[in-house]
Amino acid sequence: MHRSQWGQKKGQERILAIRISRAGWEKALSLGVLTHPEQTVFPSPDVWRKEFESAPIHIQWDTERSLRGKPLNQFSIHVGISRKLIKEYVDEWILEFQDLTRTTERIRKLILKGEENRAR
């Protein structure tokens, strides 16, 4: 919600929940490269850069946020899929999706009105 400004950011107005297969998830993780040169994973920044530039999946940890956008001491994995894998993702990995745009809009409006308990 934070990244899309609760569905208000241009080009990010639709909010979808997508369920993918376990096989798809495992493949994504196996092909992924972290978005930063973690010293415990990569022997050097140059090795990381080479792997990152050719990786079909980019992985990073994003800070979770409260309803008001305050950073929390929890993190969620963010998995970015490149164009190289989009067809496979769409045709083989996706099991179900749900459009949460209206729900997101209702939550955003409740937050703006100061009704956080109802928003939860």
PDB file of N, CA and C in Angstrom:
ATOM      1  N   MET A   1       0.820  -1.185   0.000  1.00  0.00           N
ATOM      2  CA  MET A   1       0.000   0.000   0.000  1.00  0.00           C
ATOM      3  C   MET A   1       0.865   1.250   0.000  1.00  0.00           C
ATOM      4  N   HIS A   2       1.961   1.178   0.758  1.00  0.00           N
ATOM      5  CA  HIS A   2       2.856   2.338   0.849  1.00  0.00           C
ATOM      6  C   HIS A   2       3.436   2.701  -0.516  1.00  0.00           C
ATOM      7  N   ARG A   3       3.946   1.711  -1.227  1.00  0.00           N
ATOM      8  CA  ARG A   3       4.579   1.968  -2.533  1.00  0.00           C
ATOM      9  C   ARG A   3       3.607   2.562  -3.546  1.00  0.00           C
ATOM     10  N   SER A   4       2.358   2.121  -3.519  1.00  0.00           N
ATOM     11  CA  SER A   4       1.370   2.596  -4.497  1.00  0.00           C
ATOM     12  C   SER A   4       0.581   3.799  -3.983  1.00  0.00           C
ATOM     13  N   GLN A   5       0.948   4.275  -2.792  1.00  0.00           N
ATOM     14  CA  GLN A   5       0.218   5.374  -2.154  1.00  0.00           C
ATOM     15  C   GLN A   5      -1.272   5.032  -2.050  1.00  0.00           C
ATOM     16  N   TRP A   6      -1.526   3.801  -1.601  1.00  0.00           N
ATOM     17  CA  TRP A   6      -2.891   3.307  -1.432  1.00  0.00           C
ATOM     18  C   TRP A   6      -3.669   3.354  -2.737  1.00  0.00           C
ATOM     19  N   GLY A   7      -3.000   2.982  -3.830  1.00  0.00           N
ATOM     20  CA  GLY A   7      -3.657   2.914  -5.125  1.00  0.00           C
ATOM     21  C   GLY A   7      -3.834   4.266  -5.796  1.00  0.00           C
ATOM     22  N   GLN A   8      -3.144   5.283  -5.306  1.00  0.00           N
ATOM     23  CA  GLN A   8      -3.276   6.624  -5.860  1.00  0.00           C
ATOM     24  C   GLN A   8      -2.140   6.990  -6.817  1.00  0.00           C
ATOM     25  N   LYS A   9      -1.059   6.233  -6.810  1.00  0.00           N
ATOM     26  CA  LYS A   9       0.089   6.540  -7.652  1.00  0.00           C
ATOM     27  C   LYS A   9      -0.225   6.204  -9.111  1.00  0.00           C
ATOM     28  N   LYS A  10       0.137   7.102 -10.002  1.00  0.00           N
ATOM     29  CA  LYS A  10      -0.131   6.901 -11.430  1.00  0.00           C
ATOM     30  C   LYS A  10       0.499   5.591 -11.908  1.00  0.00           C
ATOM     31  N   GLY A  11      -0.299   4.793 -12.586  1.00  0.00           N
ATOM     32  CA  GLY A  11       0.164   3.502 -13.081  1.00  0.00           C
ATOM     33  C   GLY A  11       0.057   2.383 -12.059  1.00  0.00           C
ATOM     34  N   GLN A  12      -0.333   2.707 -10.833  1.00  0.00           N
ATOM     35  CA  GLN A  12      -0.470   1.697  -9.775  1.00  0.00           C
ATOM     36  C   GLN A  12      -1.835   1.801  -9.093  1.00  0.00           C
ATOM     37  N   GLU A  13      -2.844   2.116  -9.874  1.00  0.00           N
ATOM     38  CA  GLU A  13      -4.180   2.335  -9.332  1.00  0.00           C
ATOM     39  C   GLU A  13      -4.916   1.046  -8.992  1.00  0.00           C
ATOM     40  N   ARG A  14      -4.516  -0.067  -9.556  1.00  0.00           N
ATOM     41  CA  ARG A  14      -5.168  -1.350  -9.278  1.00  0.00           C
ATOM     42  C   ARG A  14      -4.318  -2.115  -8.266  1.00  0.00           C
ATOM     43  N   ILE A  15      -4.969  -2.690  -7.279  1.00  0.00           N
ATOM     44  CA  ILE A  15      -4.294  -3.471  -6.245  1.00  0.00           C
ATOM     45  C   ILE A  15      -4.784  -4.912  -6.364  1.00  0.00           C
ATOM     46  N   LEU A  16      -3.869  -5.818  -6.676  1.00  0.00           N
ATOM     47  CA  LEU A  16      -4.216  -7.225  -6.856  1.00  0.00           C
ATOM     48  C   LEU A  16      -3.491  -8.091  -5.839  1.00  0.00           C
ATOM     49  N   ALA A  17      -4.181  -9.099  -5.357  1.00  0.00           N
ATOM     50  CA  ALA A  17      -3.565 -10.156  -4.554  1.00  0.00           C
ATOM     51  C   ALA A  17      -3.415 -11.339  -5.501  1.00  0.00           C
ATOM     52  N   ILE A  18      -2.197 -11.817  -5.675  1.00  0.00           N
ATOM     53  CA  ILE A  18      -1.941 -12.893  -6.632  1.00  0.00           C
ATOM     54  C   ILE A  18      -1.377 -14.104  -5.896  1.00  0.00           C
ATOM     55  N   ARG A  19      -2.011 -15.240  -6.111  1.00  0.00           N
ATOM     56  CA  ARG A  19      -1.532 -16.497  -5.523  1.00  0.00           C
ATOM     57  C   ARG A  19      -0.851 -17.284  -6.626  1.00  0.00           C
ATOM     58  N   ILE A  20       0.386 -17.679  -6.369  1.00  0.00           N
ATOM     59  CA  ILE A  20       1.131 -18.449  -7.368  1.00  0.00           C
ATOM     60  C   ILE A  20       1.439 -19.838  -6.821  1.00  0.00           C
ATOM     61  N   SER A  21       1.843 -20.719  -7.728  1.00  0.00           N
ATOM     62  CA  SER A  21       2.164 -22.091  -7.335  1.00  0.00           C
ATOM     63  C   SER A  21       3.451 -22.130  -6.517  1.00  0.00           C
ATOM     64  N   ARG A  22       3.567 -23.164  -5.719  1.00  0.00           N
ATOM     65  CA  ARG A  22       4.793 -23.358  -4.925  1.00  0.00           C
ATOM     66  C   ARG A  22       5.991 -23.539  -5.862  1.00  0.00           C
ATOM     67  N   ALA A  23       5.788 -24.269  -6.962  1.00  0.00           N
ATOM     68  CA  ALA A  23       6.875 -24.485  -7.925  1.00  0.00           C
ATOM     69  C   ALA A  23       7.324 -23.156  -8.529  1.00  0.00           C
ATOM     70  N   GLY A  24       6.370 -22.293  -8.855  1.00  0.00           N
ATOM     71  CA  GLY A  24       6.714 -20.981  -9.394  1.00  0.00           C
ATOM     72  C   GLY A  24       7.486 -20.147  -8.387  1.00  0.00           C
ATOM     73  N   TRP A  25       7.034 -20.159  -7.137  1.00  0.00           N
ATOM     74  CA  TRP A  25       7.705 -19.422  -6.072  1.00  0.00           C
ATOM     75  C   TRP A  25       9.141 -19.917  -5.889  1.00  0.00           C
ATOM     76  N   GLU A  26       9.304 -21.233  -5.840  1.00  0.00           N
ATOM     77  CA  GLU A  26      10.647 -21.792  -5.660  1.00  0.00           C
ATOM     78  C   GLU A  26      11.549 -21.470  -6.844  1.00  0.00           C
ATOM     79  N   LYS A  27      10.991 -21.486  -8.044  1.00  0.00           N
ATOM     80  CA  LYS A  27      11.788 -21.129  -9.219  1.00  0.00           C
ATOM     81  C   LYS A  27      12.207 -19.664  -9.136  1.00  0.00           C
ATOM     82  N   ALA A  28      11.270 -18.796  -8.771  1.00  0.00           N
ATOM     83  CA  ALA A  28      11.597 -17.374  -8.649  1.00  0.00           C
ATOM     84  C   ALA A  28      12.736 -17.166  -7.658  1.00  0.00           C
ATOM     85  N   LEU A  29      12.635 -17.785  -6.505  1.00  0.00           N
ATOM     86  CA  LEU A  29      13.692 -17.619  -5.501  1.00  0.00           C
ATOM     87  C   LEU A  29      15.018 -18.198  -5.978  1.00  0.00           C
ATOM     88  N   SER A  30      14.967 -19.313  -6.681  1.00  0.00           N
ATOM     89  CA  SER A  30      16.210 -19.936  -7.147  1.00  0.00           C
ATOM     90  C   SER A  30      16.917 -19.096  -8.208  1.00  0.00           C
ATOM     91  N   LEU A  31      16.159 -18.296  -8.955  1.00  0.00           N
ATOM     92  CA  LEU A  31      16.735 -17.449 -10.006  1.00  0.00           C
ATOM     93  C   LEU A  31      17.036 -16.029  -9.532  1.00  0.00           C
ATOM     94  N   GLY A  32      16.680 -15.748  -8.290  1.00  0.00           N
ATOM     95  CA  GLY A  32      16.781 -14.385  -7.781  1.00  0.00           C
ATOM     96  C   GLY A  32      18.170 -13.976  -7.329  1.00  0.00           C
ATOM     97  N   VAL A  33      18.410 -12.685  -7.474  1.00  0.00           N
ATOM     98  CA  VAL A  33      19.639 -12.061  -6.980  1.00  0.00           C
ATOM     99  C   VAL A  33      19.210 -10.859  -6.146  1.00  0.00           C
ATOM    100  N   LEU A  34      19.851 -10.700  -4.999  1.00  0.00           N
ATOM    101  CA  LEU A  34      19.541  -9.577  -4.123  1.00  0.00           C
ATOM    102  C   LEU A  34      19.813  -8.243  -4.816  1.00  0.00           C
ATOM    103  N   THR A  35      19.063  -7.225  -4.425  1.00  0.00           N
ATOM    104  CA  THR A  35      19.217  -5.911  -5.051  1.00  0.00           C
ATOM    105  C   THR A  35      20.379  -5.107  -4.465  1.00  0.00           C
ATOM    106  N   HIS A  36      21.110  -5.698  -3.560  1.00  0.00           N
ATOM    107  CA  HIS A  36      22.300  -5.037  -3.018  1.00  0.00           C
ATOM    108  C   HIS A  36      23.392  -6.087  -2.795  1.00  0.00           C
ATOM    109  N   PRO A  37      24.649  -5.678  -2.822  1.00  0.00           N
ATOM    110  CA  PRO A  37      25.766  -6.639  -2.727  1.00  0.00           C
ATOM    111  C   PRO A  37      26.038  -7.096  -1.294  1.00  0.00           C
ATOM    112  N   GLU A  38      25.179  -7.935  -0.772  1.00  0.00           N
ATOM    113  CA  GLU A  38      25.328  -8.468   0.583  1.00  0.00           C
ATOM    114  C   GLU A  38      26.670  -9.198   0.698  1.00  0.00           C
ATOM    115  N   GLN A  39      27.510  -8.748   1.629  1.00  0.00           N
ATOM    116  CA  GLN A  39      28.870  -9.291   1.755  1.00  0.00           C
ATOM    117  C   GLN A  39      28.911 -10.762   2.141  1.00  0.00           C
ATOM    118  N   THR A  40      27.894 -11.232   2.850  1.00  0.00           N
ATOM    119  CA  THR A  40      27.885 -12.641   3.254  1.00  0.00           C
ATOM    120  C   THR A  40      27.448 -13.563   2.123  1.00  0.00           C
ATOM    121  N   VAL A  41      26.966 -12.987   1.018  1.00  0.00           N
ATOM    122  CA  VAL A  41      26.486 -13.781  -0.113  1.00  0.00           C
ATOM    123  C   VAL A  41      27.425 -13.674  -1.314  1.00  0.00           C
ATOM    124  N   PHE A  42      27.933 -12.480  -1.563  1.00  0.00           N
ATOM    125  CA  PHE A  42      28.758 -12.228  -2.751  1.00  0.00           C
ATOM    126  C   PHE A  42      30.198 -11.931  -2.350  1.00  0.00           C
ATOM    127  N   PRO A  43      31.160 -12.552  -3.041  1.00  0.00           N
ATOM    128  CA  PRO A  43      32.557 -12.327  -2.682  1.00  0.00           C
ATOM    129  C   PRO A  43      33.042 -10.898  -2.953  1.00  0.00           C
ATOM    130  N   SER A  44      32.367 -10.204  -3.877  1.00  0.00           N
ATOM    131  CA  SER A  44      32.769  -8.824  -4.177  1.00  0.00           C
ATOM    132  C   SER A  44      31.606  -8.084  -4.833  1.00  0.00           C
ATOM    133  N   PRO A  45      31.619  -6.751  -4.791  1.00  0.00           N
ATOM    134  CA  PRO A  45      30.579  -5.984  -5.474  1.00  0.00           C
ATOM    135  C   PRO A  45      30.551  -6.239  -6.982  1.00  0.00           C
ATOM    136  N   ASP A  46      31.697  -6.525  -7.572  1.00  0.00           N
ATOM    137  CA  ASP A  46      31.740  -6.796  -9.012  1.00  0.00           C
ATOM    138  C   ASP A  46      31.027  -8.100  -9.361  1.00  0.00           C
ATOM    139  N   VAL A  47      31.208  -9.126  -8.529  1.00  0.00           N
ATOM    140  CA  VAL A  47      30.524 -10.397  -8.751  1.00  0.00           C
ATOM    141  C   VAL A  47      29.015 -10.172  -8.622  1.00  0.00           C
ATOM    142  N   TRP A  48      28.605  -9.448  -7.570  1.00  0.00           N
ATOM    143  CA  TRP A  48      27.185  -9.144  -7.408  1.00  0.00           C
ATOM    144  C   TRP A  48      26.643  -8.399  -8.627  1.00  0.00           C
ATOM    145  N   ARG A  49      27.326  -7.354  -9.069  1.00  0.00           N
ATOM    146  CA  ARG A  49      26.850  -6.533 -10.190  1.00  0.00           C
ATOM    147  C   ARG A  49      26.623  -7.379 -11.437  1.00  0.00           C
ATOM    148  N   LYS A  50      27.573  -8.271 -11.721  1.00  0.00           N
ATOM    149  CA  LYS A  50      27.457  -9.139 -12.904  1.00  0.00           C
ATOM    150  C   LYS A  50      26.224 -10.041 -12.785  1.00  0.00           C
ATOM    151  N   GLU A  51      26.039 -10.652 -11.615  1.00  0.00           N
ATOM    152  CA  GLU A  51      24.883 -11.525 -11.408  1.00  0.00           C
ATOM    153  C   GLU A  51      23.574 -10.725 -11.437  1.00  0.00           C
ATOM    154  N   PHE A  52      23.582  -9.567 -10.811  1.00  0.00           N
ATOM    155  CA  PHE A  52      22.384  -8.738 -10.737  1.00  0.00           C
ATOM    156  C   PHE A  52      21.921  -8.299 -12.129  1.00  0.00           C
ATOM    157  N   GLU A  53      22.858  -7.878 -12.952  1.00  0.00           N
ATOM    158  CA  GLU A  53      22.513  -7.378 -14.288  1.00  0.00           C
ATOM    159  C   GLU A  53      21.898  -8.451 -15.181  1.00  0.00           C
ATOM    160  N   SER A  54      22.252  -9.712 -14.955  1.00  0.00           N
ATOM    161  CA  SER A  54      21.721 -10.772 -15.813  1.00  0.00           C
ATOM    162  C   SER A  54      20.579 -11.567 -15.155  1.00  0.00           C
ATOM    163  N   ALA A  55      20.255 -11.241 -13.922  1.00  0.00           N
ATOM    164  CA  ALA A  55      19.244 -12.017 -13.185  1.00  0.00           C
ATOM    165  C   ALA A  55      17.827 -11.750 -13.701  1.00  0.00           C
ATOM    166  N   PRO A  56      17.031 -12.809 -13.877  1.00  0.00           N
ATOM    167  CA  PRO A  56      15.631 -12.630 -14.282  1.00  0.00           C
ATOM    168  C   PRO A  56      14.718 -12.254 -13.108  1.00  0.00           C
ATOM    169  N   ILE A  57      15.248 -12.373 -11.888  1.00  0.00           N
ATOM    170  CA  ILE A  57      14.488 -12.058 -10.678  1.00  0.00           C
ATOM    171  C   ILE A  57      15.363 -11.212  -9.755  1.00  0.00           C
ATOM    172  N   HIS A  58      14.794 -10.134  -9.236  1.00  0.00           N
ATOM    173  CA  HIS A  58      15.479  -9.306  -8.239  1.00  0.00           C
ATOM    174  C   HIS A  58      14.727  -9.417  -6.925  1.00  0.00           C
ATOM    175  N   ILE A  59      15.484  -9.575  -5.849  1.00  0.00           N
ATOM    176  CA  ILE A  59      14.902  -9.787  -4.529  1.00  0.00           C
ATOM    177  C   ILE A  59      15.407  -8.731  -3.554  1.00  0.00           C
ATOM    178  N   GLN A  60      14.476  -8.184  -2.784  1.00  0.00           N
ATOM    179  CA  GLN A  60      14.862  -7.263  -1.719  1.00  0.00           C
ATOM    180  C   GLN A  60      13.903  -7.416  -0.549  1.00  0.00           C
ATOM    181  N   TRP A  61      14.316  -6.917   0.579  1.00  0.00           N
ATOM    182  CA  TRP A  61      13.477  -6.922   1.771  1.00  0.00           C
ATOM    183  C   TRP A  61      12.947  -5.517   1.980  1.00  0.00           C
ATOM    184  N   ASP A  62      11.634  -5.393   2.073  1.00  0.00           N
ATOM    185  CA  ASP A  62      10.982  -4.098   2.270  1.00  0.00           C
ATOM    186  C   ASP A  62      10.472  -3.990   3.704  1.00  0.00           C
ATOM    187  N   THR A  63      10.617  -2.808   4.264  1.00  0.00           N
ATOM    188  CA  THR A  63      10.123  -2.534   5.602  1.00  0.00           C
ATOM    189  C   THR A  63       8.595  -2.527   5.586  1.00  0.00           C
ATOM    190  N   GLU A  64       8.007  -3.265   6.492  1.00  0.00           N
ATOM    191  CA  GLU A  64       6.549  -3.208   6.664  1.00  0.00           C
ATOM    192  C   GLU A  64       6.204  -1.859   7.269  1.00  0.00           C
ATOM    193  N   ARG A  65       4.975  -1.419   7.047  1.00  0.00           N
ATOM    194  CA  ARG A  65       4.551  -0.106   7.542  1.00  0.00           C
ATOM    195  C   ARG A  65       3.192  -0.206   8.232  1.00  0.00           C
ATOM    196  N   SER A  66       2.980   0.719   9.141  1.00  0.00           N
ATOM    197  CA  SER A  66       1.683   0.821   9.805  1.00  0.00           C
ATOM    198  C   SER A  66       0.670   1.388   8.811  1.00  0.00           C
ATOM    199  N   LEU A  67      -0.590   1.433   9.214  1.00  0.00           N
ATOM    200  CA  LEU A  67      -1.621   1.998   8.346  1.00  0.00           C
ATOM    201  C   LEU A  67      -1.310   3.449   7.977  1.00  0.00           C
ATOM    202  N   ARG A  68      -0.624   4.161   8.849  1.00  0.00           N
ATOM    203  CA  ARG A  68      -0.267   5.565   8.592  1.00  0.00           C
ATOM    204  C   ARG A  68       1.082   5.712   7.895  1.00  0.00           C
ATOM    205  N   GLY A  69       1.734   4.599   7.587  1.00  0.00           N
ATOM    206  CA  GLY A  69       2.994   4.648   6.853  1.00  0.00           C
ATOM    207  C   GLY A  69       4.242   4.646   7.706  1.00  0.00           C
ATOM    208  N   LYS A  70       4.095   4.532   9.013  1.00  0.00           N
ATOM    209  CA  LYS A  70       5.253   4.505   9.905  1.00  0.00           C
ATOM    210  C   LYS A  70       6.004   3.177   9.726  1.00  0.00           C
ATOM    211  N   PRO A  71       7.332   3.222   9.539  1.00  0.00           N
ATOM    212  CA  PRO A  71       8.100   1.980   9.403  1.00  0.00           C
ATOM    213  C   PRO A  71       7.992   1.107  10.655  1.00  0.00           C
ATOM    214  N   LEU A  72       7.823  -0.181  10.445  1.00  0.00           N
ATOM    215  CA  LEU A  72       7.757  -1.150  11.535  1.00  0.00           C
ATOM    216  C   LEU A  72       9.043  -1.973  11.533  1.00  0.00           C
ATOM    217  N   ASN A  73       9.280  -2.677  12.612  1.00  0.00           N
ATOM    218  CA  ASN A  73      10.473  -3.517  12.710  1.00  0.00           C
ATOM    219  C   ASN A  73      10.177  -4.922  12.176  1.00  0.00           C
ATOM    220  N   GLN A  74       9.571  -4.968  10.982  1.00  0.00           N
ATOM    221  CA  GLN A  74       9.248  -6.218  10.296  1.00  0.00           C
ATOM    222  C   GLN A  74       9.522  -6.003   8.819  1.00  0.00           C
ATOM    223  N   PHE A  75       9.847  -7.070   8.128  1.00  0.00           N
ATOM    224  CA  PHE A  75      10.194  -6.960   6.718  1.00  0.00           C
ATOM    225  C   PHE A  75       9.447  -8.004   5.900  1.00  0.00           C
ATOM    226  N   SER A  76       9.170  -7.652   4.663  1.00  0.00           N
ATOM    227  CA  SER A  76       8.534  -8.571   3.717  1.00  0.00           C
ATOM    228  C   SER A  76       9.425  -8.689   2.496  1.00  0.00           C
ATOM    229  N   ILE A  77       9.404  -9.852   1.905  1.00  0.00           N
ATOM    230  CA  ILE A  77      10.200 -10.061   0.702  1.00  0.00           C
ATOM    231  C   ILE A  77       9.493  -9.410  -0.483  1.00  0.00           C
ATOM    232  N   HIS A  78      10.270  -8.777  -1.329  1.00  0.00           N
ATOM    233  CA  HIS A  78       9.766  -8.136  -2.552  1.00  0.00           C
ATOM    234  C   HIS A  78      10.494  -8.830  -3.702  1.00  0.00           C
ATOM    235  N   VAL A  79       9.735  -9.483  -4.563  1.00  0.00           N
ATOM    236  CA  VAL A  79      10.313 -10.260  -5.659  1.00  0.00           C
ATOM    237  C   VAL A  79       9.896  -9.629  -6.981  1.00  0.00           C
ATOM    238  N   GLY A  80      10.869  -9.098  -7.701  1.00  0.00           N
ATOM    239  CA  GLY A  80      10.603  -8.458  -8.990  1.00  0.00           C
ATOM    240  C   GLY A  80      10.898  -9.415 -10.131  1.00  0.00           C
ATOM    241  N   ILE A  81       9.907  -9.622 -10.977  1.00  0.00           N
ATOM    242  CA  ILE A  81      10.029 -10.563 -12.090  1.00  0.00           C
ATOM    243  C   ILE A  81      10.309  -9.788 -13.373  1.00  0.00           C
ATOM    244  N   SER A  82      11.372 -10.180 -14.077  1.00  0.00           N
ATOM    245  CA  SER A  82      11.730  -9.481 -15.313  1.00  0.00           C
ATOM    246  C   SER A  82      10.837  -9.924 -16.477  1.00  0.00           C
ATOM    247  N   ARG A  83      10.928  -9.189 -17.543  1.00  0.00           N
ATOM    248  CA  ARG A  83      10.155  -9.507 -18.749  1.00  0.00           C
ATOM    249  C   ARG A  83      10.482 -10.902 -19.286  1.00  0.00           C
ATOM    250  N   LYS A  84      11.674 -11.394 -18.991  1.00  0.00           N
ATOM    251  CA  LYS A  84      12.087 -12.711 -19.467  1.00  0.00           C
ATOM    252  C   LYS A  84      11.167 -13.825 -18.947  1.00  0.00           C
ATOM    253  N   LEU A  85      10.573 -13.602 -17.777  1.00  0.00           N
ATOM    254  CA  LEU A  85       9.762 -14.647 -17.150  1.00  0.00           C
ATOM    255  C   LEU A  85       8.271 -14.320 -17.092  1.00  0.00           C
ATOM    256  N   ILE A  86       7.853 -13.186 -17.607  1.00  0.00           N
ATOM    257  CA  ILE A  86       6.455 -12.776 -17.467  1.00  0.00           C
ATOM    258  C   ILE A  86       5.484 -13.777 -18.073  1.00  0.00           C
ATOM    259  N   LYS A  87       5.768 -14.274 -19.265  1.00  0.00           N
ATOM    260  CA  LYS A  87       4.851 -15.227 -19.903  1.00  0.00           C
ATOM    261  C   LYS A  87       4.712 -16.486 -19.041  1.00  0.00           C
ATOM    262  N   GLU A  88       5.825 -17.012 -18.571  1.00  0.00           N
ATOM    263  CA  GLU A  88       5.778 -18.203 -17.710  1.00  0.00           C
ATOM    264  C   GLU A  88       5.020 -17.896 -16.415  1.00  0.00           C
ATOM    265  N   TYR A  89       5.273 -16.741 -15.839  1.00  0.00           N
ATOM    266  CA  TYR A  89       4.569 -16.312 -14.620  1.00  0.00           C
ATOM    267  C   TYR A  89       3.061 -16.307 -14.848  1.00  0.00           C
ATOM    268  N   VAL A  90       2.633 -15.666 -15.908  1.00  0.00           N
ATOM    269  CA  VAL A  90       1.205 -15.542 -16.199  1.00  0.00           C
ATOM    270  C   VAL A  90       0.586 -16.893 -16.566  1.00  0.00           C
ATOM    271  N   ASP A  91       1.241 -17.621 -17.461  1.00  0.00           N
ATOM    272  CA  ASP A  91       0.661 -18.863 -17.981  1.00  0.00           C
ATOM    273  C   ASP A  91       0.776 -20.061 -17.040  1.00  0.00           C
ATOM    274  N   GLU A  92       1.832 -20.089 -16.203  1.00  0.00           N
ATOM    275  CA  GLU A  92       2.087 -21.290 -15.415  1.00  0.00           C
ATOM    276  C   GLU A  92       2.052 -21.091 -13.898  1.00  0.00           C
ATOM    277  N   TRP A  93       2.461 -19.937 -13.413  1.00  0.00           N
ATOM    278  CA  TRP A  93       2.591 -19.769 -11.968  1.00  0.00           C
ATOM    279  C   TRP A  93       1.309 -19.288 -11.294  1.00  0.00           C
ATOM    280  N   ILE A  94       0.569 -18.406 -11.935  1.00  0.00           N
ATOM    281  CA  ILE A  94      -0.597 -17.813 -11.292  1.00  0.00           C
ATOM    282  C   ILE A  94      -1.713 -18.837 -11.145  1.00  0.00           C
ATOM    283  N   LEU A  95      -2.176 -19.003  -9.918  1.00  0.00           N
ATOM    284  CA  LEU A  95      -3.280 -19.903  -9.623  1.00  0.00           C
ATOM    285  C   LEU A  95      -4.588 -19.135  -9.459  1.00  0.00           C
ATOM    286  N   GLU A  96      -4.466 -17.919  -8.917  1.00  0.00           N
ATOM    287  CA  GLU A  96      -5.663 -17.138  -8.623  1.00  0.00           C
ATOM    288  C   GLU A  96      -5.253 -15.695  -8.360  1.00  0.00           C
ATOM    289  N   PHE A  97      -6.141 -14.785  -8.696  1.00  0.00           N
ATOM    290  CA  PHE A  97      -5.911 -13.410  -8.271  1.00  0.00           C
ATOM    291  C   PHE A  97      -7.214 -12.778  -7.858  1.00  0.00           C
ATOM    292  N   GLN A  98      -7.072 -11.794  -6.993  1.00  0.00           N
ATOM    293  CA  GLN A  98      -8.215 -11.113  -6.427  1.00  0.00           C
ATOM    294  C   GLN A  98      -7.971  -9.615  -6.560  1.00  0.00           C
ATOM    295  N   ASP A  99      -8.949  -8.884  -7.046  1.00  0.00           N
ATOM    296  CA  ASP A  99      -8.836  -7.436  -7.181  1.00  0.00           C
ATOM    297  C   ASP A  99      -9.212  -6.801  -5.838  1.00  0.00           C
ATOM    298  N   LEU A 100      -8.236  -6.178  -5.184  1.00  0.00           N
ATOM    299  CA  LEU A 100      -8.452  -5.559  -3.877  1.00  0.00           C
ATOM    300  C   LEU A 100      -8.534  -4.037  -3.976  1.00  0.00           C
ATOM    301  N   THR A 101      -8.733  -3.525  -5.182  1.00  0.00           N
ATOM    302  CA  THR A 101      -8.742  -2.082  -5.391  1.00  0.00           C
ATOM    303  C   THR A 101      -9.819  -1.390  -4.555  1.00  0.00           C
ATOM    304  N   ARG A 102     -11.035  -1.884  -4.583  1.00  0.00           N
ATOM    305  CA  ARG A 102     -12.127  -1.249  -3.823  1.00  0.00           C
ATOM    306  C   ARG A 102     -11.883  -1.342  -2.320  1.00  0.00           C
ATOM    307  N   THR A 103     -11.386  -2.480  -1.866  1.00  0.00           N
ATOM    308  CA  THR A 103     -11.072  -2.647  -0.443  1.00  0.00           C
ATOM    309  C   THR A 103      -9.997  -1.650  -0.033  1.00  0.00           C
ATOM    310  N   THR A 104      -8.972  -1.517  -0.862  1.00  0.00           N
ATOM    311  CA  THR A 104      -7.890  -0.568  -0.596  1.00  0.00           C
ATOM    312  C   THR A 104      -8.434   0.854  -0.506  1.00  0.00           C
ATOM    313  N   GLU A 105      -9.323   1.199  -1.409  1.00  0.00           N
ATOM    314  CA  GLU A 105      -9.912   2.540  -1.402  1.00  0.00           C
ATOM    315  C   GLU A 105     -10.715   2.788  -0.121  1.00  0.00           C
ATOM    316  N   ARG A 106     -11.483   1.785   0.304  1.00  0.00           N
ATOM    317  CA  ARG A 106     -12.260   1.933   1.545  1.00  0.00           C
ATOM    318  C   ARG A 106     -11.342   2.114   2.755  1.00  0.00           C
ATOM    319  N   ILE A 107     -10.267   1.328   2.809  1.00  0.00           N
ATOM    320  CA  ILE A 107      -9.322   1.437   3.923  1.00  0.00           C
ATOM    321  C   ILE A 107      -8.671   2.817   3.926  1.00  0.00           C
ATOM    322  N   ARG A 108      -8.246   3.284   2.757  1.00  0.00           N
ATOM    323  CA  ARG A 108      -7.608   4.603   2.646  1.00  0.00           C
ATOM    324  C   ARG A 108      -8.542   5.696   3.142  1.00  0.00           C
ATOM    325  N   LYS A 109      -9.800   5.635   2.753  1.00  0.00           N
ATOM    326  CA  LYS A 109     -10.767   6.649   3.178  1.00  0.00           C
ATOM    327  C   LYS A 109     -10.988   6.613   4.689  1.00  0.00           C
ATOM    328  N   LEU A 110     -11.044   5.424   5.271  1.00  0.00           N
ATOM    329  CA  LEU A 110     -11.188   5.316   6.726  1.00  0.00           C
ATOM    330  C   LEU A 110      -9.985   5.907   7.443  1.00  0.00           C
ATOM    331  N   ILE A 111      -8.801   5.644   6.937  1.00  0.00           N
ATOM    332  CA  ILE A 111      -7.588   6.202   7.540  1.00  0.00           C
ATOM    333  C   ILE A 111      -7.620   7.727   7.478  1.00  0.00           C
ATOM    334  N   LEU A 112      -7.993   8.267   6.342  1.00  0.00           N
ATOM    335  CA  LEU A 112      -8.064   9.721   6.186  1.00  0.00           C
ATOM    336  C   LEU A 112      -9.067  10.340   7.155  1.00  0.00           C
ATOM    337  N   LYS A 113     -10.118   9.599   7.498  1.00  0.00           N
ATOM    338  CA  LYS A 113     -11.118  10.090   8.436  1.00  0.00           C
ATOM    339  C   LYS A 113     -10.712   9.832   9.895  1.00  0.00           C
ATOM    340  N   GLY A 114      -9.537   9.211  10.092  1.00  0.00           N
ATOM    341  CA  GLY A 114      -9.065   8.937  11.440  1.00  0.00           C
ATOM    342  C   GLY A 114      -9.680   7.698  12.075  1.00  0.00           C
ATOM    343  N   GLU A 115     -10.255   6.824  11.272  1.00  0.00           N
ATOM    344  CA  GLU A 115     -10.933   5.633  11.769  1.00  0.00           C
ATOM    345  C   GLU A 115     -10.053   4.389  11.558  1.00  0.00           C
ATOM    346  N   GLU A 116      -8.889   4.415  12.190  1.00  0.00           N
ATOM    347  CA  GLU A 116      -7.932   3.317  12.008  1.00  0.00           C
ATOM    348  C   GLU A 116      -8.444   1.978  12.500  1.00  0.00           C
ATOM    349  N   ASN A 117      -9.194   1.963  13.580  1.00  0.00           N
ATOM    350  CA  ASN A 117      -9.725   0.684  14.083  1.00  0.00           C
ATOM    351  C   ASN A 117     -10.630   0.033  13.047  1.00  0.00           C
ATOM    352  N   ARG A 118     -11.481   0.821  12.416  1.00  0.00           N
ATOM    353  CA  ARG A 118     -12.357   0.280  11.369  1.00  0.00           C
ATOM    354  C   ARG A 118     -11.546  -0.124  10.144  1.00  0.00           C
ATOM    355  N   ALA A 119     -10.498   0.617   9.858  1.00  0.00           N
ATOM    356  CA  ALA A 119      -9.643   0.306   8.704  1.00  0.00           C
ATOM    357  C   ALA A 119      -8.965  -1.053   8.886  1.00  0.00           C
ATOM    358  N   ARG A 120      -8.580  -1.349  10.107  1.00  0.00           N
ATOM    359  CA  ARG A 120      -7.940  -2.654  10.373  1.00  0.00           C
ATOM    360  C   ARG A 120      -8.898  -3.772  10.090  1.00  0.00           C
TER     361      ARG A 120
END
